[in-house]
């Protein structure tokens, strides 16, 4: 008789729920086989659901490619809200119809999976560009304008097989640039290219904030990425303002103004 282990190996070859071979396996009354059947069916259902999600996230890209464009880039940023550190933007061009499992809005991806998905994006991408705008420029021009500057830098810094996109899919932003573009609300959850840019920007900025934590300890930058957590605020009260804090953001702004009096 075929062992349960051998049955599991055969079940692993099934990739659809409509495969006629299911009938033969289901006649095996052994509990181990029945459990293996349930597990394999659940795995296939999960694969199908993920593929359907990825198909939906490619709708914008496919519409644009159908119009004749050849290099569609997704653009997103991270770091608008923190009290410290830069805003980081990324521009990513994926191959047409490219699917990267579990790629989503970076905020929806478990942090434990960030680096693995980031690495796969780098490996699959035709080109990637990064834009970084530090806290001093943010204070000079405001965070909205700084975000635009970062996105334009990301396009300009594009490296890879393609040096210039011919169409932009941007997360909730319009850029003053001649390249045709589309602003998509919640783009990082609705466009795979923007989601790719989201994870690249996120991992890049998180690494920067971890490095800053070594330079400016006491604020918890490696944990909070510069956001106003309790530990961060306590650090500001105890140590004061660091060189990477945004002086146009409260409560930093008021603290800085008091220090000048």
Protein backbone atom coordinates (compact mmCIF):
# COMPACT_ATOMS: atom_id res chain seq x y z
CA UNK A 1 0.00 0.00 0.00
CA UNK A 2 1.14 3.53 -0.77
CA UNK A 3 2.31 5.28 2.40
CA UNK A 4 0.81 8.53 3.70
CA UNK A 5 4.15 10.21 3.02
CA UNK A 6 4.00 9.12 -0.62
CA UNK A 7 0.41 10.34 -0.86
CA UNK A 8 1.50 13.76 0.45
CA UNK A 9 4.20 13.91 -2.22
CA UNK A 10 1.60 13.12 -4.91
CA UNK A 11 -0.83 15.69 -3.50
CA UNK A 12 1.91 18.32 -3.78
CA UNK A 13 1.75 17.83 -7.56
CA UNK A 14 -1.91 18.92 -7.67
CA UNK A 15 -2.24 22.62 -8.41
CA UNK A 16 -6.00 23.00 -9.05
CA UNK A 17 -9.12 21.91 -7.18
CA UNK A 18 -10.60 20.53 -10.40
CA UNK A 19 -7.86 17.95 -11.00
CA UNK A 20 -9.61 14.55 -11.51
CA UNK A 21 -6.98 12.82 -9.37
CA UNK A 22 -8.61 14.22 -6.22
CA UNK A 23 -11.31 11.52 -6.50
CA UNK A 24 -8.79 8.70 -6.14
CA UNK A 25 -7.17 10.25 -3.08
CA UNK A 26 -10.49 10.99 -1.40
CA UNK A 27 -11.43 7.29 -1.40
CA UNK A 28 -8.50 6.59 0.94
CA UNK A 29 -10.09 6.51 4.41
CA UNK A 30 -6.85 6.83 6.40
CA UNK A 31 -7.02 9.86 8.71
CA UNK A 32 -3.50 10.94 7.75
CA UNK A 33 -4.47 11.00 4.09
CA UNK A 34 -7.70 12.90 4.77
CA UNK A 35 -5.80 15.53 6.78
CA UNK A 36 -3.24 15.85 3.99
CA UNK A 37 -6.05 16.34 1.45
CA UNK A 38 -7.59 19.14 3.55
CA UNK A 39 -4.21 20.84 4.00
CA UNK A 40 -3.38 20.64 0.30
CA UNK A 41 -6.78 22.00 -0.73
CA UNK A 42 -6.40 24.91 1.70
CA UNK A 43 -2.95 25.65 0.27
CA UNK A 44 -4.32 25.66 -3.29
CA UNK A 45 -7.21 27.92 -2.26
CA UNK A 46 -4.72 30.32 -0.65
CA UNK A 47 -2.59 30.29 -3.82
CA UNK A 48 -5.63 31.00 -5.98
CA UNK A 49 -6.75 33.84 -3.70
CA UNK A 50 -3.27 35.40 -3.77
CA UNK A 51 -3.08 35.09 -7.54
CA UNK A 52 -6.49 36.77 -7.85
CA UNK A 53 -5.32 39.61 -5.58
CA UNK A 54 -2.17 40.11 -7.65
CA UNK A 55 -4.20 40.09 -10.86
CA UNK A 56 -6.37 42.87 -9.44
CA UNK A 57 -3.27 44.86 -8.45
CA UNK A 58 -2.00 44.70 -12.03
CA UNK A 59 -5.09 46.30 -13.55
CA UNK A 60 -3.63 49.82 -13.77
CA UNK A 61 -0.38 48.58 -15.29
CA UNK A 62 -2.18 46.50 -17.90
CA UNK A 63 -4.44 49.37 -18.89
CA UNK A 64 -1.41 51.61 -19.44
CA UNK A 65 0.59 48.99 -21.33
CA UNK A 66 -2.46 48.37 -23.53
CA UNK A 67 -2.22 52.04 -24.57
CA UNK A 68 1.27 51.40 -25.97
CA UNK A 69 3.50 52.58 -23.13
CA UNK A 70 6.63 50.51 -22.59
CA UNK A 71 8.07 51.42 -19.17
CA UNK A 72 5.47 51.95 -16.43
CA UNK A 73 6.92 53.04 -13.08
CA UNK A 74 5.31 52.93 -9.67
CA UNK A 75 6.22 55.71 -7.25
CA UNK A 76 5.62 55.97 -3.50
CA UNK A 77 7.15 57.44 -0.38
CA UNK A 78 7.46 56.74 3.33
CA UNK A 79 8.18 59.07 6.19
CA UNK A 80 5.72 61.95 5.90
CA UNK A 81 4.50 61.67 9.49
CA UNK A 82 7.58 61.08 11.68
CA UNK A 83 9.09 63.76 13.92
CA UNK A 84 12.60 62.85 12.80
CA UNK A 85 14.54 61.64 9.80
CA UNK A 86 14.08 62.00 6.05
CA UNK A 87 11.22 61.33 3.72
CA UNK A 88 12.24 58.55 1.30
CA UNK A 89 10.70 57.97 -2.12
CA UNK A 90 11.17 55.09 -4.54
CA UNK A 91 10.52 54.59 -8.24
CA UNK A 92 10.22 50.98 -9.46
CA UNK A 93 9.67 49.53 -12.93
CA UNK A 94 8.54 45.90 -12.87
CA UNK A 95 8.43 43.67 -15.97
CA UNK A 96 5.02 43.49 -17.61
CA UNK A 97 2.70 41.01 -15.85
CA UNK A 98 5.26 40.48 -13.08
CA UNK A 99 3.73 39.00 -9.94
CA UNK A 100 5.54 38.99 -6.60
CA UNK A 101 3.75 36.94 -3.96
CA UNK A 102 2.59 38.81 -0.87
CA UNK A 103 3.70 42.18 -2.29
CA UNK A 104 1.29 44.78 -0.94
CA UNK A 105 1.16 48.17 0.72
CA UNK A 106 4.24 47.99 2.98
CA UNK A 107 2.04 48.83 6.00
CA UNK A 108 0.09 45.61 5.37
CA UNK A 109 3.15 43.37 5.15
CA UNK A 110 4.40 41.84 8.43
CA UNK A 111 7.73 43.46 9.29
CA UNK A 112 9.35 40.02 9.44
CA UNK A 113 8.71 39.66 5.68
CA UNK A 114 9.81 43.16 4.61
CA UNK A 115 13.40 42.32 3.71
CA UNK A 116 12.56 39.11 1.80
CA UNK A 117 9.92 40.84 -0.34
CA UNK A 118 12.20 43.88 -0.76
CA UNK A 119 14.96 41.58 -2.03
CA UNK A 120 12.63 39.90 -4.49
CA UNK A 121 11.47 43.30 -5.78
CA UNK A 122 15.12 44.26 -6.39
CA UNK A 123 15.76 40.96 -8.20
CA UNK A 124 12.63 41.17 -10.37
CA UNK A 125 12.68 44.89 -11.16
CA UNK A 126 13.87 46.31 -14.46
CA UNK A 127 14.92 49.51 -12.67
CA UNK A 128 14.84 51.08 -9.20
CA UNK A 129 15.46 54.66 -8.07
CA UNK A 130 15.62 56.20 -4.60
CA UNK A 131 15.03 59.80 -3.50
CA UNK A 132 15.94 61.07 -0.03
CA UNK A 133 14.98 64.47 1.38
CA UNK A 134 16.46 65.26 4.79
CA UNK A 135 14.78 66.97 7.72
CA UNK A 136 16.41 70.33 7.02
CA UNK A 137 14.90 70.58 3.55
CA UNK A 138 11.57 69.31 4.90
CA UNK A 139 11.62 72.22 7.35
CA UNK A 140 12.42 74.68 4.55
CA UNK A 141 9.78 73.65 2.00
CA UNK A 142 7.15 71.66 4.03
CA UNK A 143 6.54 67.92 3.94
CA UNK A 144 4.23 67.97 0.90
CA UNK A 145 6.78 69.73 -1.30
CA UNK A 146 9.57 67.58 0.16
CA UNK A 147 7.66 64.48 -0.88
CA UNK A 148 7.45 65.79 -4.46
CA UNK A 149 11.18 66.52 -4.46
CA UNK A 150 11.92 63.01 -3.21
CA UNK A 151 9.76 61.44 -5.93
CA UNK A 152 11.43 63.51 -8.65
CA UNK A 153 14.83 62.46 -7.27
CA UNK A 154 13.76 58.81 -7.37
CA UNK A 155 12.88 59.13 -11.07
CA UNK A 156 16.16 60.90 -11.80
CA UNK A 157 18.17 58.28 -9.86
CA UNK A 158 16.61 55.34 -11.70
CA UNK A 159 19.16 52.58 -12.30
CA UNK A 160 18.83 49.27 -14.11
CA UNK A 161 17.83 48.11 -17.58
CA UNK A 162 15.65 51.21 -18.09
CA UNK A 163 16.87 54.73 -17.38
CA UNK A 164 13.61 56.62 -17.99
CA UNK A 165 9.97 55.61 -17.47
CA UNK A 166 7.38 56.67 -20.06
CA UNK A 167 4.42 56.52 -17.66
CA UNK A 168 4.07 57.04 -13.91
CA UNK A 169 1.65 55.48 -11.44
CA UNK A 170 1.92 57.60 -8.29
CA UNK A 171 0.43 57.13 -4.86
CA UNK A 172 -1.97 60.07 -4.35
CA UNK A 173 0.32 62.70 -5.83
CA UNK A 174 0.78 64.74 -9.02
CA UNK A 175 4.28 65.66 -10.16
CA UNK A 176 5.36 68.69 -12.19
CA UNK A 177 7.06 66.64 -14.88
CA UNK A 178 6.36 66.03 -18.58
CA UNK A 179 5.99 62.26 -18.22
CA UNK A 180 2.34 61.08 -18.49
CA UNK A 181 1.07 60.03 -15.09
CA UNK A 182 -1.83 58.84 -13.01
CA UNK A 183 -2.42 59.64 -9.35
CA UNK A 184 -4.02 56.69 -7.56
CA UNK A 185 -5.65 57.01 -4.14
CA UNK A 186 -4.32 54.25 -1.88
CA UNK A 187 -2.10 53.31 -4.80
CA UNK A 188 0.18 51.14 -2.68
CA UNK A 189 -2.78 48.80 -2.06
CA UNK A 190 -4.13 48.94 -5.62
CA UNK A 191 -1.10 48.92 -7.92
CA UNK A 192 1.67 46.33 -7.77
CA UNK A 193 4.23 48.80 -9.11
CA UNK A 194 3.38 51.35 -6.42
CA UNK A 195 3.42 48.59 -3.79
CA UNK A 196 6.92 47.67 -5.00
CA UNK A 197 8.01 51.28 -4.58
CA UNK A 198 6.40 51.33 -1.13
CA UNK A 199 8.41 48.38 0.19
CA UNK A 200 11.67 49.66 -1.34
CA UNK A 201 11.17 53.07 0.27
CA UNK A 202 10.13 51.51 3.59
CA UNK A 203 13.10 49.15 3.93
CA UNK A 204 15.52 51.87 2.79
CA UNK A 205 14.22 54.36 5.35
CA UNK A 206 14.03 51.81 8.17
CA UNK A 207 17.72 50.98 7.60
CA UNK A 208 18.58 54.69 7.72
CA UNK A 209 16.69 55.15 10.99
CA UNK A 210 18.43 52.12 12.50
CA UNK A 211 21.76 53.69 11.59
CA UNK A 212 20.62 56.99 13.10
CA UNK A 213 19.78 55.13 16.30
CA UNK A 214 23.49 54.35 16.64
CA UNK A 215 24.44 57.98 16.06
CA UNK A 216 21.71 59.45 18.26
CA UNK A 217 20.78 56.89 20.93
CA UNK A 218 18.01 57.40 23.42
CA UNK A 219 15.10 58.11 21.08
CA UNK A 220 14.43 54.55 19.93
CA UNK A 221 14.79 55.38 16.23
CA UNK A 222 15.41 51.73 15.27
CA UNK A 223 12.05 50.81 16.83
CA UNK A 224 9.86 53.81 16.02
CA UNK A 225 11.46 55.01 12.75
CA UNK A 226 11.14 58.56 14.04
CA UNK A 227 7.41 58.47 14.79
CA UNK A 228 6.21 60.12 17.99
CA UNK A 229 6.00 57.11 20.29
CA UNK A 230 6.08 57.41 24.08
CA UNK A 231 9.74 56.35 24.20
CA UNK A 232 10.64 58.85 21.51
CA UNK A 233 8.87 61.73 23.25
CA UNK A 234 10.47 60.81 26.58
CA UNK A 235 13.85 60.79 24.84
CA UNK A 236 13.25 64.30 23.51
CA UNK A 237 12.33 65.54 27.00
CA UNK A 238 15.41 63.95 28.51
CA UNK A 239 18.06 64.53 25.81
CA UNK A 240 16.65 67.37 23.77
CA UNK A 241 16.36 67.77 20.01
CA UNK A 242 18.71 65.78 17.77
CA UNK A 243 20.18 66.99 14.46
CA UNK A 244 17.66 64.88 12.50
CA UNK A 245 14.50 66.16 14.21
CA UNK A 246 12.07 68.18 12.09
CA UNK A 247 11.83 71.63 13.63
CA UNK A 248 8.64 72.44 11.69
CA UNK A 249 6.80 69.52 13.34
CA UNK A 250 5.16 69.74 16.75
CA UNK A 251 6.15 69.31 19.55
CA UNK A 252 9.66 69.85 18.16
CA UNK A 253 8.75 73.27 16.77
CA UNK A 254 7.62 74.65 20.13
CA UNK A 255 10.60 73.14 21.95
CA UNK A 256 13.02 74.65 19.45
CA UNK A 257 11.37 78.08 19.65
CA UNK A 258 11.57 78.00 23.46
CA UNK A 259 15.26 77.15 23.28
CA UNK A 260 15.88 80.32 21.26
CA UNK A 261 14.38 82.61 23.92
